[in-house]
N, C-alpha and C. Protein backbone atom coordinates (compact mmCIF):
# COMPACT_ATOMS: atom_id res chain seq x y z
N UNK A 1 121.60 84.98 91.88
CA UNK A 1 121.22 85.54 93.16
C UNK A 1 122.49 85.70 94.01
N UNK A 2 122.63 86.84 94.64
CA UNK A 2 123.80 87.09 95.49
C UNK A 2 123.57 86.48 96.87
N UNK A 3 124.66 86.42 97.65
CA UNK A 3 124.55 85.94 99.03
C UNK A 3 123.58 86.79 99.83
N UNK A 4 123.59 88.09 99.59
CA UNK A 4 122.69 89.01 100.29
C UNK A 4 121.24 88.71 99.92
N UNK A 5 120.99 88.49 98.62
CA UNK A 5 119.64 88.16 98.17
C UNK A 5 119.18 86.85 98.79
N UNK A 6 120.08 85.85 98.81
CA UNK A 6 119.73 84.55 99.40
C UNK A 6 119.42 84.66 100.88
N UNK A 7 120.20 85.49 101.59
CA UNK A 7 119.96 85.69 103.02
C UNK A 7 118.61 86.38 103.25
N UNK A 8 118.29 87.34 102.39
CA UNK A 8 117.02 88.04 102.51
C UNK A 8 115.85 87.09 102.25
N UNK A 9 115.96 86.26 101.23
CA UNK A 9 114.91 85.28 100.92
C UNK A 9 114.73 84.33 102.11
N UNK A 10 115.83 83.88 102.71
CA UNK A 10 115.75 82.97 103.86
C UNK A 10 115.08 83.66 105.05
N UNK A 11 115.41 84.92 105.29
CA UNK A 11 114.79 85.65 106.39
C UNK A 11 113.30 85.83 106.17
N UNK A 12 112.91 86.16 104.95
CA UNK A 12 111.49 86.32 104.63
C UNK A 12 110.76 84.99 104.82
N UNK A 13 111.39 83.90 104.39
CA UNK A 13 110.78 82.57 104.54
C UNK A 13 110.55 82.25 106.02
N UNK A 14 111.53 82.56 106.87
CA UNK A 14 111.38 82.32 108.32
C UNK A 14 110.25 83.17 108.90
N UNK A 15 110.12 84.40 108.45
CA UNK A 15 109.02 85.25 108.91
C UNK A 15 107.67 84.70 108.46
N UNK A 16 107.61 84.18 107.25
CA UNK A 16 106.37 83.56 106.76
C UNK A 16 105.99 82.36 107.62
N UNK A 17 106.97 81.54 107.97
CA UNK A 17 106.71 80.38 108.82
C UNK A 17 106.18 80.84 110.18
N UNK A 18 106.84 81.81 110.78
CA UNK A 18 106.41 82.30 112.09
C UNK A 18 104.97 82.85 112.02
N UNK A 19 104.63 83.56 110.96
CA UNK A 19 103.28 84.09 110.81
C UNK A 19 102.27 82.96 110.64
N UNK A 20 102.60 81.96 109.85
CA UNK A 20 101.70 80.83 109.67
C UNK A 20 101.48 80.08 110.99
N UNK A 21 102.53 79.94 111.78
CA UNK A 21 102.40 79.25 113.07
C UNK A 21 101.58 80.09 114.05
N UNK A 22 101.75 81.38 114.02
CA UNK A 22 100.93 82.26 114.86
C UNK A 22 99.46 82.16 114.47
N UNK A 23 99.19 82.14 113.17
CA UNK A 23 97.81 81.98 112.69
C UNK A 23 97.25 80.63 113.11
N UNK A 24 98.06 79.58 113.08
CA UNK A 24 97.63 78.25 113.49
C UNK A 24 97.19 78.27 114.95
N UNK A 25 97.97 78.89 115.81
CA UNK A 25 97.64 78.96 117.24
C UNK A 25 96.33 79.73 117.44
N UNK A 26 96.16 80.84 116.75
CA UNK A 26 94.92 81.62 116.86
C UNK A 26 93.73 80.83 116.32
N UNK A 27 93.92 80.15 115.19
CA UNK A 27 92.84 79.35 114.59
C UNK A 27 92.39 78.25 115.54
N UNK A 28 93.34 77.61 116.20
CA UNK A 28 93.03 76.54 117.17
C UNK A 28 92.04 77.06 118.22
N UNK A 29 92.35 78.18 118.85
CA UNK A 29 91.45 78.72 119.86
C UNK A 29 90.11 79.13 119.29
N UNK A 30 90.12 79.75 118.13
CA UNK A 30 88.87 80.18 117.49
C UNK A 30 87.97 78.98 117.20
N UNK A 31 88.53 77.92 116.65
CA UNK A 31 87.74 76.73 116.31
C UNK A 31 87.21 76.03 117.56
N UNK A 32 88.02 75.99 118.63
CA UNK A 32 87.53 75.42 119.89
C UNK A 32 86.32 76.20 120.39
N UNK A 33 86.45 77.51 120.42
CA UNK A 33 85.37 78.34 120.95
C UNK A 33 84.13 78.29 120.07
N UNK A 34 84.30 78.05 118.77
CA UNK A 34 83.18 77.94 117.84
C UNK A 34 82.56 76.54 117.87
N UNK A 35 83.17 75.64 118.63
CA UNK A 35 82.71 74.25 118.72
C UNK A 35 82.74 73.56 117.35
N UNK A 36 83.73 73.90 116.56
CA UNK A 36 83.92 73.30 115.23
C UNK A 36 84.86 72.10 115.38
N UNK A 37 84.29 70.97 115.76
CA UNK A 37 85.09 69.79 116.08
C UNK A 37 85.82 69.25 114.86
N UNK A 38 85.20 69.29 113.70
CA UNK A 38 85.89 68.84 112.49
C UNK A 38 87.01 69.82 112.14
N UNK A 39 86.74 71.10 112.28
CA UNK A 39 87.74 72.11 111.97
C UNK A 39 88.95 72.02 112.88
N UNK A 40 88.72 71.77 114.17
CA UNK A 40 89.85 71.72 115.10
C UNK A 40 90.81 70.60 114.72
N UNK A 41 90.30 69.52 114.17
CA UNK A 41 91.19 68.41 113.81
C UNK A 41 92.12 68.78 112.66
N UNK A 42 91.73 69.75 111.83
CA UNK A 42 92.59 70.16 110.73
C UNK A 42 93.79 70.98 111.21
N UNK A 43 93.77 71.40 112.46
CA UNK A 43 94.94 72.07 113.04
C UNK A 43 96.05 71.07 113.33
N UNK A 44 95.70 69.79 113.37
CA UNK A 44 96.64 68.73 113.69
C UNK A 44 97.02 67.95 112.43
N UNK A 45 98.19 67.34 112.46
CA UNK A 45 98.57 66.42 111.39
C UNK A 45 97.64 65.21 111.45
N UNK A 46 97.68 64.39 110.42
CA UNK A 46 96.81 63.21 110.39
C UNK A 46 96.98 62.33 111.63
N UNK A 47 98.21 62.23 112.11
CA UNK A 47 98.50 61.42 113.31
C UNK A 47 98.87 62.30 114.49
N UNK A 48 98.33 63.50 114.53
CA UNK A 48 98.64 64.44 115.60
C UNK A 48 98.23 63.92 116.96
N UNK A 49 98.96 64.37 117.98
CA UNK A 49 98.72 63.93 119.35
C UNK A 49 98.51 65.12 120.26
N UNK A 50 97.52 65.01 121.13
CA UNK A 50 97.30 65.96 122.21
C UNK A 50 97.58 65.23 123.51
N UNK A 51 98.53 65.75 124.30
CA UNK A 51 98.86 65.17 125.60
C UNK A 51 98.43 66.12 126.69
N UNK A 52 97.96 65.57 127.79
CA UNK A 52 97.48 66.35 128.92
C UNK A 52 97.71 65.54 130.18
N UNK A 53 97.55 66.17 131.33
CA UNK A 53 97.75 65.46 132.59
C UNK A 53 96.81 64.25 132.63
N UNK A 54 97.39 63.09 132.67
CA UNK A 54 96.58 61.88 132.78
C UNK A 54 96.31 61.14 131.49
N UNK A 55 96.82 61.63 130.36
CA UNK A 55 96.57 60.88 129.14
C UNK A 55 96.97 61.61 127.87
N UNK A 56 96.57 61.01 126.77
CA UNK A 56 96.82 61.59 125.45
C UNK A 56 95.83 61.01 124.45
N UNK A 57 95.70 61.71 123.33
CA UNK A 57 94.80 61.32 122.25
C UNK A 57 95.57 61.49 120.95
N UNK A 58 95.49 60.50 120.06
CA UNK A 58 96.22 60.55 118.80
C UNK A 58 95.29 60.27 117.63
N UNK A 59 95.46 61.03 116.56
CA UNK A 59 94.69 60.84 115.33
C UNK A 59 93.48 61.76 115.29
N UNK A 60 93.12 62.18 114.09
CA UNK A 60 92.05 63.17 113.94
C UNK A 60 90.69 62.68 114.45
N UNK A 61 90.34 61.44 114.22
CA UNK A 61 89.04 60.94 114.69
C UNK A 61 88.98 60.96 116.22
N UNK A 62 90.04 60.51 116.85
CA UNK A 62 90.08 60.49 118.32
C UNK A 62 90.11 61.92 118.88
N UNK A 63 90.83 62.82 118.20
CA UNK A 63 90.86 64.21 118.62
C UNK A 63 89.48 64.83 118.53
N UNK A 64 88.77 64.56 117.45
CA UNK A 64 87.42 65.10 117.28
C UNK A 64 86.54 64.65 118.42
N UNK A 65 86.54 63.37 118.72
CA UNK A 65 85.71 62.84 119.80
C UNK A 65 86.11 63.42 121.15
N UNK A 66 87.41 63.55 121.39
CA UNK A 66 87.90 64.11 122.64
C UNK A 66 87.40 65.54 122.83
N UNK A 67 87.60 66.38 121.82
CA UNK A 67 87.19 67.78 121.95
C UNK A 67 85.68 67.91 122.08
N UNK A 68 84.93 67.12 121.31
CA UNK A 68 83.47 67.19 121.40
C UNK A 68 83.00 66.83 122.80
N UNK A 69 83.63 65.82 123.40
CA UNK A 69 83.22 65.39 124.73
C UNK A 69 83.71 66.36 125.82
N UNK A 70 85.00 66.67 125.81
CA UNK A 70 85.58 67.45 126.91
C UNK A 70 85.26 68.94 126.80
N UNK A 71 85.55 69.54 125.68
CA UNK A 71 85.30 70.97 125.53
C UNK A 71 83.80 71.22 125.35
N UNK A 72 83.12 70.31 124.67
CA UNK A 72 81.69 70.44 124.47
C UNK A 72 80.89 70.42 125.75
N UNK A 73 81.45 69.89 126.83
CA UNK A 73 80.76 69.83 128.11
C UNK A 73 80.67 71.20 128.79
N UNK A 74 81.53 72.16 128.39
CA UNK A 74 81.49 73.49 128.98
C UNK A 74 80.37 74.31 128.37
N UNK A 75 79.79 75.21 129.15
CA UNK A 75 78.74 76.08 128.65
C UNK A 75 79.30 77.04 127.59
N UNK A 76 80.54 77.45 127.76
CA UNK A 76 81.23 78.30 126.79
C UNK A 76 82.72 78.16 127.05
N UNK A 77 83.50 78.55 126.06
CA UNK A 77 84.95 78.68 126.25
C UNK A 77 85.42 79.90 125.45
N UNK A 78 86.47 80.51 125.95
CA UNK A 78 87.18 81.56 125.23
C UNK A 78 88.67 81.29 125.44
N UNK A 79 89.38 81.05 124.36
CA UNK A 79 90.81 80.77 124.41
C UNK A 79 91.60 81.97 123.89
N UNK A 80 92.60 82.38 124.67
CA UNK A 80 93.39 83.57 124.35
C UNK A 80 94.87 83.23 124.36
N UNK A 81 95.48 83.05 123.19
CA UNK A 81 96.94 82.89 123.18
C UNK A 81 97.58 84.25 123.44
N UNK A 82 98.64 84.26 124.26
CA UNK A 82 99.30 85.52 124.58
C UNK A 82 100.65 85.66 123.90
N UNK A 83 101.45 84.62 123.97
CA UNK A 83 102.76 84.69 123.35
C UNK A 83 103.13 83.33 122.80
N UNK A 84 104.00 83.34 121.82
CA UNK A 84 104.47 82.10 121.20
C UNK A 84 105.95 82.26 120.91
N UNK A 85 106.72 81.35 121.44
CA UNK A 85 108.15 81.29 121.15
C UNK A 85 108.35 80.12 120.19
N UNK A 86 108.95 80.39 119.04
CA UNK A 86 109.09 79.38 117.99
C UNK A 86 110.55 79.15 117.69
N UNK A 87 110.89 77.88 117.48
CA UNK A 87 112.21 77.52 116.95
C UNK A 87 111.98 76.70 115.69
N UNK A 88 112.45 77.21 114.58
CA UNK A 88 112.34 76.48 113.32
C UNK A 88 113.49 75.47 113.30
N UNK A 89 113.14 74.19 113.28
CA UNK A 89 114.15 73.14 113.43
C UNK A 89 114.52 72.46 112.12
N UNK A 90 113.78 72.72 111.08
CA UNK A 90 114.06 72.14 109.77
C UNK A 90 113.17 72.79 108.73
N UNK A 91 113.29 72.33 107.49
CA UNK A 91 112.47 72.91 106.42
C UNK A 91 110.98 72.71 106.66
N UNK A 92 110.63 71.59 107.30
CA UNK A 92 109.22 71.26 107.49
C UNK A 92 108.86 71.04 108.95
N UNK A 93 109.75 71.42 109.88
CA UNK A 93 109.51 71.18 111.29
C UNK A 93 109.84 72.41 112.12
N UNK A 94 109.14 72.52 113.25
CA UNK A 94 109.39 73.59 114.20
C UNK A 94 108.85 73.15 115.55
N UNK A 95 109.30 73.82 116.58
CA UNK A 95 108.78 73.61 117.93
C UNK A 95 108.35 74.96 118.47
N UNK A 96 107.54 74.93 119.51
CA UNK A 96 107.11 76.18 120.10
C UNK A 96 106.49 76.00 121.46
N UNK A 97 106.43 77.10 122.19
CA UNK A 97 105.72 77.15 123.46
C UNK A 97 104.77 78.34 123.38
N UNK A 98 103.50 78.06 123.66
CA UNK A 98 102.47 79.08 123.64
C UNK A 98 101.99 79.30 125.07
N UNK A 99 102.03 80.54 125.52
CA UNK A 99 101.44 80.90 126.81
C UNK A 99 100.04 81.42 126.54
N UNK A 100 99.06 80.93 127.33
CA UNK A 100 97.68 81.29 127.04
C UNK A 100 96.83 81.21 128.31
N UNK A 101 95.64 81.74 128.19
CA UNK A 101 94.64 81.47 129.21
C UNK A 101 93.32 81.19 128.51
N UNK A 102 92.45 80.53 129.24
CA UNK A 102 91.14 80.18 128.69
C UNK A 102 90.08 80.34 129.77
N UNK A 103 88.91 80.74 129.34
CA UNK A 103 87.76 80.86 130.23
C UNK A 103 86.80 79.72 129.90
N UNK A 104 86.24 79.10 130.94
CA UNK A 104 85.35 77.95 130.79
C UNK A 104 84.09 78.16 131.61
N UNK A 105 82.95 78.02 131.00
CA UNK A 105 81.69 78.13 131.71
C UNK A 105 81.29 76.79 132.31
N UNK A 106 81.12 76.76 133.63
CA UNK A 106 80.71 75.55 134.35
C UNK A 106 79.64 75.94 135.36
N UNK A 107 78.44 75.42 135.17
CA UNK A 107 77.34 75.67 136.12
C UNK A 107 77.16 77.15 136.42
N UNK A 108 77.21 77.97 135.40
CA UNK A 108 77.00 79.40 135.56
C UNK A 108 78.17 80.16 136.14
N UNK A 109 79.31 79.49 136.31
CA UNK A 109 80.52 80.11 136.84
C UNK A 109 81.59 80.11 135.77
N UNK A 110 82.42 81.15 135.78
CA UNK A 110 83.53 81.21 134.85
C UNK A 110 84.79 80.74 135.55
N UNK A 111 85.40 79.68 135.02
CA UNK A 111 86.67 79.19 135.52
C UNK A 111 87.77 79.68 134.59
N UNK A 112 88.85 80.14 135.17
CA UNK A 112 89.96 80.66 134.39
C UNK A 112 91.12 79.68 134.45
N UNK A 113 91.67 79.35 133.29
CA UNK A 113 92.81 78.44 133.21
C UNK A 113 94.01 79.18 132.63
N UNK A 114 95.15 78.97 133.24
CA UNK A 114 96.42 79.45 132.70
C UNK A 114 97.18 78.24 132.19
N UNK A 115 97.60 78.27 130.93
CA UNK A 115 98.24 77.09 130.34
C UNK A 115 99.47 77.48 129.52
N UNK A 116 100.31 76.48 129.35
CA UNK A 116 101.38 76.53 128.35
C UNK A 116 101.14 75.34 127.43
N UNK A 117 101.18 75.58 126.14
CA UNK A 117 101.14 74.52 125.14
C UNK A 117 102.57 74.32 124.66
N UNK A 118 103.06 73.11 124.79
CA UNK A 118 104.38 72.75 124.25
C UNK A 118 104.12 71.99 122.96
N UNK A 119 104.52 72.59 121.84
CA UNK A 119 104.12 72.10 120.52
C UNK A 119 105.30 71.63 119.68
N UNK A 120 105.01 70.63 118.86
CA UNK A 120 105.85 70.24 117.73
C UNK A 120 104.99 70.50 116.50
N UNK A 121 105.53 71.22 115.53
CA UNK A 121 104.81 71.56 114.31
C UNK A 121 105.42 70.83 113.13
N UNK A 122 104.57 70.52 112.16
CA UNK A 122 105.01 69.84 110.94
C UNK A 122 104.26 70.45 109.76
N UNK A 123 104.98 70.70 108.68
CA UNK A 123 104.35 71.19 107.45
C UNK A 123 103.85 69.96 106.70
N UNK A 124 102.53 69.80 106.65
CA UNK A 124 101.91 68.60 106.05
C UNK A 124 100.77 69.04 105.13
N UNK A 125 100.70 68.46 103.96
CA UNK A 125 99.64 68.77 102.99
C UNK A 125 99.56 70.26 102.69
N UNK A 126 100.73 70.91 102.58
CA UNK A 126 100.78 72.30 102.15
C UNK A 126 100.55 73.35 103.22
N UNK A 127 100.43 72.91 104.50
CA UNK A 127 100.27 73.91 105.56
C UNK A 127 100.85 73.41 106.88
N UNK A 128 101.13 74.35 107.77
CA UNK A 128 101.66 74.02 109.08
C UNK A 128 100.54 73.50 109.96
N UNK A 129 100.87 72.43 110.69
CA UNK A 129 99.91 71.80 111.59
C UNK A 129 100.62 71.39 112.88
N UNK A 130 99.83 71.09 113.87
CA UNK A 130 100.37 70.61 115.15
C UNK A 130 100.57 69.10 115.04
N UNK A 131 101.81 68.66 115.23
CA UNK A 131 102.11 67.23 115.24
C UNK A 131 101.93 66.67 116.65
N UNK A 132 102.31 67.49 117.63
CA UNK A 132 102.16 67.09 119.03
C UNK A 132 101.95 68.35 119.85
N UNK A 133 100.94 68.31 120.71
CA UNK A 133 100.67 69.42 121.62
C UNK A 133 100.51 68.85 123.02
N UNK A 134 101.32 69.36 123.93
CA UNK A 134 101.21 68.98 125.34
C UNK A 134 100.69 70.18 126.11
N UNK A 135 99.56 70.00 126.78
CA UNK A 135 98.98 71.06 127.59
C UNK A 135 99.51 70.93 129.01
N UNK A 136 100.12 72.00 129.49
CA UNK A 136 100.58 72.05 130.88
C UNK A 136 99.79 73.16 131.58
N UNK A 137 98.93 72.75 132.46
CA UNK A 137 98.06 73.69 133.16
C UNK A 137 98.80 74.30 134.34
N UNK A 138 98.70 75.61 134.47
CA UNK A 138 99.28 76.32 135.61
C UNK A 138 98.25 76.50 136.71
N UNK A 139 96.99 76.74 136.33
CA UNK A 139 95.90 76.85 137.29
C UNK A 139 94.59 76.69 136.55
N UNK A 140 93.55 76.35 137.30
CA UNK A 140 92.19 76.21 136.78
C UNK A 140 91.26 76.53 137.94
N UNK A 141 90.87 77.80 138.06
CA UNK A 141 90.16 78.28 139.24
C UNK A 141 89.00 79.17 138.84
N UNK A 142 87.96 79.23 139.69
CA UNK A 142 86.89 80.21 139.44
C UNK A 142 87.41 81.62 139.66
N UNK A 143 86.85 82.56 138.92
CA UNK A 143 87.28 83.96 139.03
C UNK A 143 87.41 84.41 140.49
N UNK A 144 86.38 84.20 141.33
CA UNK A 144 86.51 84.69 142.72
C UNK A 144 87.65 84.02 143.49
N UNK A 145 88.03 82.80 143.13
CA UNK A 145 89.07 82.09 143.85
C UNK A 145 90.48 82.47 143.47
N UNK A 146 90.64 83.23 142.41
CA UNK A 146 91.99 83.57 141.97
C UNK A 146 92.77 84.34 143.04
N UNK A 147 92.08 85.19 143.78
CA UNK A 147 92.76 85.98 144.79
C UNK A 147 93.13 85.21 146.04
N UNK A 148 92.44 84.12 146.34
CA UNK A 148 92.68 83.40 147.59
C UNK A 148 93.19 81.98 147.41
N UNK A 149 92.84 81.36 146.29
CA UNK A 149 93.15 79.94 146.12
C UNK A 149 94.37 79.66 145.24
N UNK A 150 94.89 80.69 144.60
CA UNK A 150 96.01 80.48 143.68
C UNK A 150 97.30 80.31 144.45
N UNK A 151 97.97 79.20 144.19
CA UNK A 151 99.26 78.92 144.78
C UNK A 151 100.19 78.44 143.67
N UNK A 152 101.11 79.29 143.22
CA UNK A 152 101.98 78.88 142.11
C UNK A 152 102.83 77.69 142.50
N UNK A 153 103.11 76.87 141.51
CA UNK A 153 103.93 75.67 141.77
C UNK A 153 105.40 75.99 141.77
């Protein structure tokens, strides 16, 4: 194999990783919206952690219970990832930031959330998974309040 061939193989491998990570982010939102609590845990490593304002949850069993309780309390959810910036940090590791918004049904009202997910990814058991996800909320407001109540930080 020539240096050019090796460089091309490396570039293709990086593109494959980026595509797999993009699919992971999309799958996460799809599984949340489908209320597939067992499925959502497979997006995380065995000891994956979700951090949020006020706490964190670690491990698939705890993640399942967390999502069933917290997300399950909404009448509906729709999660929309918009962009993902990825840095491949090793053969089996990467980091990323996902910009997204989500809609949440509460008492017949739609609340809109703007979030950034700060992720650490790990290739475990033959696929890319979230090792650590930190949710940073930008806003969480009812649709009518977006025009009057939104104050960027």
